[in-house]
Amino acid sequence: MKFVLAAVLAVVLQAASPGQPSYEKANALFVAQKFAESLAAVEEALRLDPKLIPALTLQAKLAMAANRFDLANRSLERALVLDPQAAYAQFLYGMTAYMNNEMKDALARFRKARELSPKDPRVALYLGLSTESVGTPADALALYQEAIRLERAAGHPQADTLLPGARLLLLLGRLEECETWLREAVKLSPALRDAHFELARLLLKKGDSAQAAAEGELALTLSVGSTPDPAIHYLLIRAWTQAGKPDRAATHAAVMRAQER
C-alpha cells in the first residue's frame, strides 16, 4: 500500500511540474524527429524544473541520437541520483554503454535495469546481447528466450526480438530450433528483410540452396530492416552457385562490382 501511495504521489508531483508542458512538447517533437526543436523544448523544461526525470531521459535520448554518449550519461546519472529506482533511465544508461561498445559497463547497467524492471522484454533482450558479447552464449540464449516469453505474455511478440536468438542458434548449430524462430519472425514481419536474410542463411547452411536463393531475392526487394544490400548479394552469389545457376550468381557479382566503383 505504501508503495502504491508513493507511486501515485510521484505521478501527482510530476503532473504539477512547471516543466511538464515543455517536456510534452519536446517529446512530441522527438517522435516527429524534429530533434533541434525537441532539444530546445527539453532544455526549457529542465530550466523550469531541473528535477523532471522524463525530461532528463529525453535529453539523454537526444544526445544518444547525436552519438554524444558522454552527454547522455550525464543526464541519466542526474536522473538516477534523483530516483535510483527509475527503471527506464537505468535501461537507457545501459544503452549508452551498449551503443558505445562498452560491453562490461552495459552488462552491469542492464543487470541493474533487470532488477528494477524484470517484466520488460527490452531489458532482457539487451542484457542477452551484452551477455553474448562477453562470451557466455548459454546465458545469452536463456535471456533471449525470456525476452520472447515476456513479449508473448504481453501479446506483442516482435520479429526483431527473435532474430538475435536465431542467429545464436545458427552459430551453435541448432538448426531446427533456429528455423522455428526464423519462421515465426517471418510470419510476424513478412516485410522485414532481416528475417528473410537470416532464413536464407539458415537454408543455405542446411543445403537447401534454391530456397535460400528465393529468400535472399525476396530480402533484396524489401526496404524495412538493417541488412545491407552487399551482404544479400554475397549470399545470393553463394546460393545460386550451389543451386547450379552460375548465370544468376554472376548477375549479383556484377552488381557488387558496380557498387564498389
C-alpha atoms as a PDB file:
ATOM      1  CA  MET A   1       0.000   0.000   0.000  1.00  0.00           C
ATOM      2  CA  LYS A   2       2.822   2.412   0.886  1.00  0.00           C
ATOM      3  CA  PHE A   3       4.483   1.685  -2.469  1.00  0.00           C
ATOM      4  CA  VAL A   4       1.236   2.410  -4.341  1.00  0.00           C
ATOM      5  CA  LEU A   5       0.717   5.675  -2.458  1.00  0.00           C
ATOM      6  CA  ALA A   6       4.293   6.726  -3.174  1.00  0.00           C
ATOM      7  CA  ALA A   7       3.853   5.981  -6.874  1.00  0.00           C
ATOM      8  CA  VAL A   8       0.609   7.963  -7.008  1.00  0.00           C
ATOM      9  CA  LEU A   9       2.285  10.856  -5.202  1.00  0.00           C
ATOM     10  CA  ALA A  10       5.155  10.813  -7.693  1.00  0.00           C
ATOM     11  CA  VAL A  11       2.715  10.994 -10.616  1.00  0.00           C
ATOM     12  CA  VAL A  12       0.839  13.873  -8.994  1.00  0.00           C
ATOM     13  CA  LEU A  13       4.068  15.777  -8.338  1.00  0.00           C
ATOM     14  CA  GLN A  14       5.284  15.168 -11.869  1.00  0.00           C
ATOM     15  CA  ALA A  15       1.965  16.370 -13.311  1.00  0.00           C
ATOM     16  CA  ALA A  16       2.305  19.552 -11.221  1.00  0.00           C
ATOM     17  CA  SER A  17       5.809  20.253 -12.550  1.00  0.00           C
ATOM     18  CA  PRO A  18       6.155  23.658 -14.230  1.00  0.00           C
ATOM     19  CA  GLY A  19       8.310  21.979 -16.863  1.00  0.00           C
ATOM     20  CA  GLN A  20       5.716  19.366 -17.842  1.00  0.00           C
ATOM     21  CA  PRO A  21       4.128  21.258 -20.773  1.00  0.00           C
ATOM     22  CA  SER A  22       7.535  21.974 -22.295  1.00  0.00           C
ATOM     23  CA  TYR A  23       8.532  18.334 -21.801  1.00  0.00           C
ATOM     24  CA  GLU A  24       5.388  17.107 -23.559  1.00  0.00           C
ATOM     25  CA  LYS A  25       6.094  19.470 -26.451  1.00  0.00           C
ATOM     26  CA  ALA A  26       9.693  18.222 -26.592  1.00  0.00           C
ATOM     27  CA  ASN A  27       8.575  14.595 -26.610  1.00  0.00           C
ATOM     28  CA  ALA A  28       6.111  15.197 -29.466  1.00  0.00           C
ATOM     29  CA  LEU A  29       8.866  16.896 -31.455  1.00  0.00           C
ATOM     30  CA  PHE A  30      11.212  13.970 -30.751  1.00  0.00           C
ATOM     31  CA  VAL A  31       8.633  11.495 -32.051  1.00  0.00           C
ATOM     32  CA  ALA A  32       8.330  13.669 -35.171  1.00  0.00           C
ATOM     33  CA  GLN A  33      12.159  13.518 -35.489  1.00  0.00           C
ATOM     34  CA  LYS A  34      12.475  17.294 -35.149  1.00  0.00           C
ATOM     35  CA  PHE A  35      15.498  16.935 -32.926  1.00  0.00           C
ATOM     36  CA  ALA A  36      16.758  20.524 -32.810  1.00  0.00           C
ATOM     37  CA  GLU A  37      13.317  21.830 -31.810  1.00  0.00           C
ATOM     38  CA  SER A  38      12.927  18.989 -29.323  1.00  0.00           C
ATOM     39  CA  LEU A  39      16.251  19.837 -27.700  1.00  0.00           C
ATOM     40  CA  ALA A  40      15.254  23.469 -27.275  1.00  0.00           C
ATOM     41  CA  ALA A  41      11.953  22.444 -25.672  1.00  0.00           C
ATOM     42  CA  VAL A  42      13.533  19.917 -23.330  1.00  0.00           C
ATOM     43  CA  GLU A  43      16.128  22.435 -22.212  1.00  0.00           C
ATOM     44  CA  GLU A  44      13.280  24.816 -21.416  1.00  0.00           C
ATOM     45  CA  ALA A  45      11.550  22.057 -19.437  1.00  0.00           C
ATOM     46  CA  LEU A  46      14.694  21.477 -17.385  1.00  0.00           C
ATOM     47  CA  ARG A  47      15.191  25.201 -16.843  1.00  0.00           C
ATOM     48  CA  LEU A  48      11.727  25.275 -15.328  1.00  0.00           C
ATOM     49  CA  ASP A  49      12.238  22.046 -13.385  1.00  0.00           C
ATOM     50  CA  PRO A  50      15.799  20.630 -13.195  1.00  0.00           C
ATOM     51  CA  LYS A  51      14.457  17.554 -11.389  1.00  0.00           C
ATOM     52  CA  LEU A  52      11.951  16.469 -14.066  1.00  0.00           C
ATOM     53  CA  ILE A  53      13.141  12.918 -14.731  1.00  0.00           C
ATOM     54  CA  PRO A  54      11.257  12.312 -18.028  1.00  0.00           C
ATOM     55  CA  ALA A  55      12.895  15.472 -19.401  1.00  0.00           C
ATOM     56  CA  LEU A  56      16.316  14.209 -18.329  1.00  0.00           C
ATOM     57  CA  THR A  57      15.740  10.862 -20.062  1.00  0.00           C
ATOM     58  CA  LEU A  58      14.548  12.643 -23.206  1.00  0.00           C
ATOM     59  CA  GLN A  59      17.625  14.872 -23.095  1.00  0.00           C
ATOM     60  CA  ALA A  60      19.700  11.679 -22.938  1.00  0.00           C
ATOM     61  CA  LYS A  61      17.876  10.167 -25.930  1.00  0.00           C
ATOM     62  CA  LEU A  62      18.564  13.296 -27.961  1.00  0.00           C
ATOM     63  CA  ALA A  63      22.244  13.096 -27.026  1.00  0.00           C
ATOM     64  CA  MET A  64      22.325   9.418 -27.989  1.00  0.00           C
ATOM     65  CA  ALA A  65      20.779  10.244 -31.366  1.00  0.00           C
ATOM     66  CA  ALA A  66      23.735  12.583 -31.918  1.00  0.00           C
ATOM     67  CA  ASN A  67      26.231   9.945 -30.676  1.00  0.00           C
ATOM     68  CA  ARG A  68      27.079  12.138 -27.682  1.00  0.00           C
ATOM     69  CA  PHE A  69      27.161   9.362 -25.132  1.00  0.00           C
ATOM     70  CA  ASP A  70      29.069  11.494 -22.638  1.00  0.00           C
ATOM     71  CA  LEU A  71      26.216  13.995 -22.536  1.00  0.00           C
ATOM     72  CA  ALA A  72      23.633  11.209 -22.384  1.00  0.00           C
ATOM     73  CA  ASN A  73      25.419   9.652 -19.425  1.00  0.00           C
ATOM     74  CA  ARG A  74      25.388  12.946 -17.534  1.00  0.00           C
ATOM     75  CA  SER A  75      21.640  13.360 -17.967  1.00  0.00           C
ATOM     76  CA  LEU A  76      20.939   9.771 -16.949  1.00  0.00           C
ATOM     77  CA  GLU A  77      23.247   9.906 -13.956  1.00  0.00           C
ATOM     78  CA  ARG A  78      21.383  13.017 -12.795  1.00  0.00           C
ATOM     79  CA  ALA A  79      18.083  11.172 -13.224  1.00  0.00           C
ATOM     80  CA  LEU A  80      19.319   8.155 -11.292  1.00  0.00           C
ATOM     81  CA  VAL A  81      20.613  10.307  -8.444  1.00  0.00           C
ATOM     82  CA  LEU A  82      17.144  11.851  -8.206  1.00  0.00           C
ATOM     83  CA  ASP A  83      15.463   8.439  -8.376  1.00  0.00           C
ATOM     84  CA  PRO A  84      17.642   5.309  -8.146  1.00  0.00           C
ATOM     85  CA  GLN A  85      14.536   3.226  -8.943  1.00  0.00           C
ATOM     86  CA  ALA A  86      13.923   4.925 -12.320  1.00  0.00           C
ATOM     87  CA  ALA A  87      13.870   1.784 -14.451  1.00  0.00           C
ATOM     88  CA  TYR A  88      13.696   3.464 -17.866  1.00  0.00           C
ATOM     89  CA  ALA A  89      16.585   5.785 -17.040  1.00  0.00           C
ATOM     90  CA  GLN A  90      18.613   2.746 -15.936  1.00  0.00           C
ATOM     91  CA  PHE A  91      17.774   0.951 -19.196  1.00  0.00           C
ATOM     92  CA  LEU A  92      18.912   3.957 -21.233  1.00  0.00           C
ATOM     93  CA  TYR A  93      22.061   4.100 -19.093  1.00  0.00           C
ATOM     94  CA  GLY A  94      22.777   0.562 -20.272  1.00  0.00           C
ATOM     95  CA  MET A  95      22.042   1.568 -23.872  1.00  0.00           C
ATOM     96  CA  THR A  96      24.626   4.354 -23.811  1.00  0.00           C
ATOM     97  CA  ALA A  97      27.311   1.826 -22.899  1.00  0.00           C
ATOM     98  CA  TYR A  98      25.997  -0.758 -25.387  1.00  0.00           C
ATOM     99  CA  MET A  99      25.894   1.720 -28.275  1.00  0.00           C
ATOM    100  CA  ASN A 100      29.398   2.900 -27.399  1.00  0.00           C
ATOM    101  CA  ASN A 101      30.642  -0.728 -27.405  1.00  0.00           C
ATOM    102  CA  GLU A 102      31.451  -0.664 -23.681  1.00  0.00           C
ATOM    103  CA  MET A 103      30.067  -4.118 -23.060  1.00  0.00           C
ATOM    104  CA  LYS A 104      31.201  -4.725 -19.486  1.00  0.00           C
ATOM    105  CA  ASP A 105      29.585  -1.464 -18.399  1.00  0.00           C
ATOM    106  CA  ALA A 106      26.488  -2.303 -20.438  1.00  0.00           C
ATOM    107  CA  LEU A 107      26.251  -5.696 -18.754  1.00  0.00           C
ATOM    108  CA  ALA A 108      26.338  -4.209 -15.259  1.00  0.00           C
ATOM    109  CA  ARG A 109      23.838  -1.493 -16.110  1.00  0.00           C
ATOM    110  CA  PHE A 110      21.387  -3.861 -17.801  1.00  0.00           C
ATOM    111  CA  ARG A 111      21.588  -6.224 -14.837  1.00  0.00           C
ATOM    112  CA  LYS A 112      20.516  -3.352 -12.608  1.00  0.00           C
ATOM    113  CA  ALA A 113      17.756  -2.437 -15.065  1.00  0.00           C
ATOM    114  CA  ARG A 114      16.515  -6.028 -14.957  1.00  0.00           C
ATOM    115  CA  GLU A 115      16.324  -5.879 -11.177  1.00  0.00           C
ATOM    116  CA  LEU A 116      14.213  -2.727 -11.475  1.00  0.00           C
ATOM    117  CA  SER A 117      12.029  -3.924 -14.357  1.00  0.00           C
ATOM    118  CA  PRO A 118      12.007  -7.729 -14.563  1.00  0.00           C
ATOM    119  CA  LYS A 119       8.996  -7.831 -16.927  1.00  0.00           C
ATOM    120  CA  ASP A 120      10.452  -5.519 -19.581  1.00  0.00           C
ATOM    121  CA  PRO A 121      11.400  -7.615 -22.645  1.00  0.00           C
ATOM    122  CA  ARG A 122      13.732  -4.877 -23.949  1.00  0.00           C
ATOM    123  CA  VAL A 123      15.873  -5.199 -20.851  1.00  0.00           C
ATOM    124  CA  ALA A 124      16.065  -8.985 -21.159  1.00  0.00           C
ATOM    125  CA  LEU A 125      16.937  -8.694 -24.860  1.00  0.00           C
ATOM    126  CA  TYR A 126      19.774  -6.198 -24.415  1.00  0.00           C
ATOM    127  CA  LEU A 127      21.065  -7.986 -21.357  1.00  0.00           C
ATOM    128  CA  GLY A 128      21.197 -11.058 -23.604  1.00  0.00           C
ATOM    129  CA  LEU A 129      23.057  -9.186 -26.338  1.00  0.00           C
ATOM    130  CA  SER A 130      25.573  -7.859 -23.832  1.00  0.00           C
ATOM    131  CA  THR A 131      25.944 -11.299 -22.272  1.00  0.00           C
ATOM    132  CA  GLU A 132      26.614 -12.897 -25.656  1.00  0.00           C
ATOM    133  CA  SER A 133      29.197 -10.224 -26.457  1.00  0.00           C
ATOM    134  CA  VAL A 134      31.292 -11.171 -23.419  1.00  0.00           C
ATOM    135  CA  GLY A 135      31.339 -14.842 -24.404  1.00  0.00           C
ATOM    136  CA  THR A 136      28.591 -16.630 -22.455  1.00  0.00           C
ATOM    137  CA  PRO A 137      26.197 -17.855 -25.177  1.00  0.00           C
ATOM    138  CA  ALA A 138      24.188 -20.248 -22.980  1.00  0.00           C
ATOM    139  CA  ASP A 139      23.237 -17.445 -20.596  1.00  0.00           C
ATOM    140  CA  ALA A 140      22.511 -15.159 -23.551  1.00  0.00           C
ATOM    141  CA  LEU A 141      20.166 -17.697 -25.141  1.00  0.00           C
ATOM    142  CA  ALA A 142      18.221 -18.042 -21.890  1.00  0.00           C
ATOM    143  CA  LEU A 143      17.778 -14.264 -21.835  1.00  0.00           C
ATOM    144  CA  TYR A 144      16.612 -14.202 -25.476  1.00  0.00           C
ATOM    145  CA  GLN A 145      14.067 -16.894 -24.599  1.00  0.00           C
ATOM    146  CA  GLU A 146      12.926 -14.823 -21.637  1.00  0.00           C
ATOM    147  CA  ALA A 147      12.540 -11.694 -23.783  1.00  0.00           C
ATOM    148  CA  ILE A 148      10.357 -13.621 -26.225  1.00  0.00           C
ATOM    149  CA  ARG A 149       8.311 -15.126 -23.395  1.00  0.00           C
ATOM    150  CA  LEU A 150       7.680 -11.687 -21.918  1.00  0.00           C
ATOM    151  CA  GLU A 151       6.575 -10.289 -25.283  1.00  0.00           C
ATOM    152  CA  ARG A 152       4.231 -13.203 -25.864  1.00  0.00           C
ATOM    153  CA  ALA A 153       2.785 -12.805 -22.378  1.00  0.00           C
ATOM    154  CA  ALA A 154       2.110  -9.146 -23.179  1.00  0.00           C
ATOM    155  CA  GLY A 155       0.554 -10.128 -26.502  1.00  0.00           C
ATOM    156  CA  HIS A 156       3.129  -8.274 -28.606  1.00  0.00           C
ATOM    157  CA  PRO A 157       5.801 -10.670 -29.949  1.00  0.00           C
ATOM    158  CA  GLN A 158       8.329  -8.931 -32.213  1.00  0.00           C
ATOM    159  CA  ALA A 159      10.371 -10.340 -35.069  1.00  0.00           C
ATOM    160  CA  ASP A 160      13.355  -8.188 -34.073  1.00  0.00           C
ATOM    161  CA  THR A 161      13.388  -9.898 -30.671  1.00  0.00           C
ATOM    162  CA  LEU A 162      13.521 -13.353 -32.264  1.00  0.00           C
ATOM    163  CA  LEU A 163      16.421 -12.608 -34.611  1.00  0.00           C
ATOM    164  CA  PRO A 164      19.342 -12.369 -32.123  1.00  0.00           C
ATOM    165  CA  GLY A 165      18.418 -15.726 -30.619  1.00  0.00           C
ATOM    166  CA  ALA A 166      18.007 -17.246 -34.076  1.00  0.00           C
ATOM    167  CA  ARG A 167      21.471 -16.025 -35.084  1.00  0.00           C
ATOM    168  CA  LEU A 168      22.952 -17.544 -31.945  1.00  0.00           C
ATOM    169  CA  LEU A 169      21.171 -20.855 -32.553  1.00  0.00           C
ATOM    170  CA  LEU A 170      22.590 -20.903 -36.087  1.00  0.00           C
ATOM    171  CA  LEU A 171      26.066 -20.239 -34.702  1.00  0.00           C
ATOM    172  CA  LEU A 172      25.617 -23.096 -32.228  1.00  0.00           C
ATOM    173  CA  GLY A 173      24.490 -25.457 -34.995  1.00  0.00           C
ATOM    174  CA  ARG A 174      20.989 -25.895 -33.548  1.00  0.00           C
ATOM    175  CA  LEU A 175      19.424 -25.613 -36.978  1.00  0.00           C
ATOM    176  CA  GLU A 176      15.913 -26.929 -36.336  1.00  0.00           C
ATOM    177  CA  GLU A 177      15.371 -24.600 -33.386  1.00  0.00           C
ATOM    178  CA  CYS A 178      16.812 -21.763 -35.420  1.00  0.00           C
ATOM    179  CA  GLU A 179      14.349 -22.432 -38.231  1.00  0.00           C
ATOM    180  CA  THR A 180      11.410 -22.411 -35.804  1.00  0.00           C
ATOM    181  CA  TRP A 181      12.436 -18.971 -34.534  1.00  0.00           C
ATOM    182  CA  LEU A 182      13.019 -17.609 -38.038  1.00  0.00           C
ATOM    183  CA  ARG A 183       9.749 -18.933 -39.445  1.00  0.00           C
ATOM    184  CA  GLU A 184       7.942 -17.165 -36.618  1.00  0.00           C
ATOM    185  CA  ALA A 185       9.894 -13.966 -37.291  1.00  0.00           C
ATOM    186  CA  VAL A 186       8.939 -14.060 -40.975  1.00  0.00           C
ATOM    187  CA  LYS A 187       5.312 -14.677 -40.062  1.00  0.00           C
ATOM    188  CA  LEU A 188       5.297 -11.752 -37.627  1.00  0.00           C
ATOM    189  CA  SER A 189       7.049  -9.335 -40.013  1.00  0.00           C
ATOM    190  CA  PRO A 190       6.840 -10.584 -43.616  1.00  0.00           C
ATOM    191  CA  ALA A 191       8.200  -7.266 -44.927  1.00  0.00           C
ATOM    192  CA  LEU A 192      11.344  -7.343 -42.750  1.00  0.00           C
ATOM    193  CA  ARG A 193      14.384  -8.022 -44.933  1.00  0.00           C
ATOM    194  CA  ASP A 194      16.483  -9.073 -41.933  1.00  0.00           C
ATOM    195  CA  ALA A 195      14.169 -12.006 -41.196  1.00  0.00           C
ATOM    196  CA  HIS A 196      14.260 -13.276 -44.794  1.00  0.00           C
ATOM    197  CA  PHE A 197      18.033 -12.818 -44.983  1.00  0.00           C
ATOM    198  CA  GLU A 198      18.584 -14.828 -41.807  1.00  0.00           C
ATOM    199  CA  LEU A 199      16.232 -17.541 -43.076  1.00  0.00           C
ATOM    200  CA  ALA A 200      18.237 -17.629 -46.320  1.00  0.00           C
ATOM    201  CA  ARG A 201      21.453 -18.069 -44.323  1.00  0.00           C
ATOM    202  CA  LEU A 202      19.912 -20.966 -42.422  1.00  0.00           C
ATOM    203  CA  LEU A 203      18.593 -22.667 -45.564  1.00  0.00           C
ATOM    204  CA  LEU A 204      22.000 -22.356 -47.204  1.00  0.00           C
ATOM    205  CA  LYS A 205      23.555 -23.956 -44.118  1.00  0.00           C
ATOM    206  CA  LYS A 206      21.038 -26.810 -44.391  1.00  0.00           C
ATOM    207  CA  GLY A 207      21.911 -27.343 -48.044  1.00  0.00           C
ATOM    208  CA  ASP A 208      18.651 -26.028 -49.499  1.00  0.00           C
ATOM    209  CA  SER A 209      20.339 -23.583 -51.845  1.00  0.00           C
ATOM    210  CA  ALA A 210      17.336 -22.987 -54.133  1.00  0.00           C
ATOM    211  CA  GLN A 211      15.080 -21.935 -51.253  1.00  0.00           C
ATOM    212  CA  ALA A 212      17.941 -19.919 -49.767  1.00  0.00           C
ATOM    213  CA  ALA A 213      18.229 -18.045 -53.059  1.00  0.00           C
ATOM    214  CA  ALA A 214      14.468 -17.438 -53.126  1.00  0.00           C
ATOM    215  CA  GLU A 215      14.538 -15.959 -49.623  1.00  0.00           C
ATOM    216  CA  GLY A 216      17.592 -13.871 -50.496  1.00  0.00           C
ATOM    217  CA  GLU A 217      15.963 -12.483 -53.627  1.00  0.00           C
ATOM    218  CA  LEU A 218      12.881 -11.595 -51.601  1.00  0.00           C
ATOM    219  CA  ALA A 219      15.018  -9.878 -48.952  1.00  0.00           C
ATOM    220  CA  LEU A 220      16.625  -7.762 -51.657  1.00  0.00           C
ATOM    221  CA  THR A 221      13.220  -6.350 -52.671  1.00  0.00           C
ATOM    222  CA  LEU A 222      12.348  -5.255 -49.127  1.00  0.00           C
ATOM    223  CA  SER A 223      13.331  -1.903 -47.659  1.00  0.00           C
ATOM    224  CA  VAL A 224      12.496  -2.423 -43.972  1.00  0.00           C
ATOM    225  CA  GLY A 225      15.463  -3.657 -41.952  1.00  0.00           C
ATOM    226  CA  SER A 226      19.176  -3.085 -41.493  1.00  0.00           C
ATOM    227  CA  THR A 227      20.797  -5.867 -43.565  1.00  0.00           C
ATOM    228  CA  PRO A 228      22.873  -4.107 -46.257  1.00  0.00           C
ATOM    229  CA  ASP A 229      22.466  -4.962 -49.936  1.00  0.00           C
ATOM    230  CA  PRO A 230      26.069  -6.213 -50.348  1.00  0.00           C
ATOM    231  CA  ALA A 231      25.511  -8.873 -47.677  1.00  0.00           C
ATOM    232  CA  ILE A 232      22.439 -10.119 -49.531  1.00  0.00           C
ATOM    233  CA  HIS A 233      24.191 -10.091 -52.911  1.00  0.00           C
ATOM    234  CA  TYR A 234      27.105 -12.070 -51.449  1.00  0.00           C
ATOM    235  CA  LEU A 235      24.714 -14.668 -50.018  1.00  0.00           C
ATOM    236  CA  LEU A 236      22.931 -14.899 -53.376  1.00  0.00           C
ATOM    237  CA  ILE A 237      26.208 -15.485 -55.207  1.00  0.00           C
ATOM    238  CA  ARG A 238      26.823 -18.490 -52.959  1.00  0.00           C
ATOM    239  CA  ALA A 239      23.229 -19.729 -53.085  1.00  0.00           C
ATOM    240  CA  TRP A 240      22.858 -19.557 -56.882  1.00  0.00           C
ATOM    241  CA  THR A 241      26.300 -21.127 -57.368  1.00  0.00           C
ATOM    242  CA  GLN A 242      25.374 -24.050 -55.135  1.00  0.00           C
ATOM    243  CA  ALA A 243      21.982 -24.302 -56.862  1.00  0.00           C
ATOM    244  CA  GLY A 244      23.759 -24.817 -60.187  1.00  0.00           C
ATOM    245  CA  LYS A 245      22.830 -21.463 -61.719  1.00  0.00           C
ATOM    246  CA  PRO A 246      26.135 -19.631 -62.217  1.00  0.00           C
ATOM    247  CA  ASP A 247      24.497 -17.062 -64.512  1.00  0.00           C
ATOM    248  CA  ARG A 248      22.289 -15.863 -61.643  1.00  0.00           C
ATOM    249  CA  ALA A 249      25.332 -15.773 -59.358  1.00  0.00           C
ATOM    250  CA  ALA A 250      27.251 -13.758 -61.971  1.00  0.00           C
ATOM    251  CA  THR A 251      24.454 -11.169 -62.094  1.00  0.00           C
ATOM    252  CA  HIS A 252      24.819 -10.478 -58.377  1.00  0.00           C
ATOM    253  CA  ALA A 253      28.611 -10.438 -58.633  1.00  0.00           C
ATOM    254  CA  ALA A 254      28.347  -7.800 -61.356  1.00  0.00           C
ATOM    255  CA  VAL A 255      26.053  -5.679 -59.158  1.00  0.00           C
ATOM    256  CA  MET A 256      28.565  -5.864 -56.314  1.00  0.00           C
ATOM    257  CA  ARG A 257      31.440  -4.837 -58.576  1.00  0.00           C
ATOM    258  CA  ALA A 258      29.428  -1.889 -59.862  1.00  0.00           C
ATOM    259  CA  GLN A 259      28.596  -0.759 -56.323  1.00  0.00           C
ATOM    260  CA  GLU A 260      32.270  -0.864 -55.321  1.00  0.00           C
ATOM    261  CA  ARG A 261      33.281   1.633 -58.025  1.00  0.00           C
END
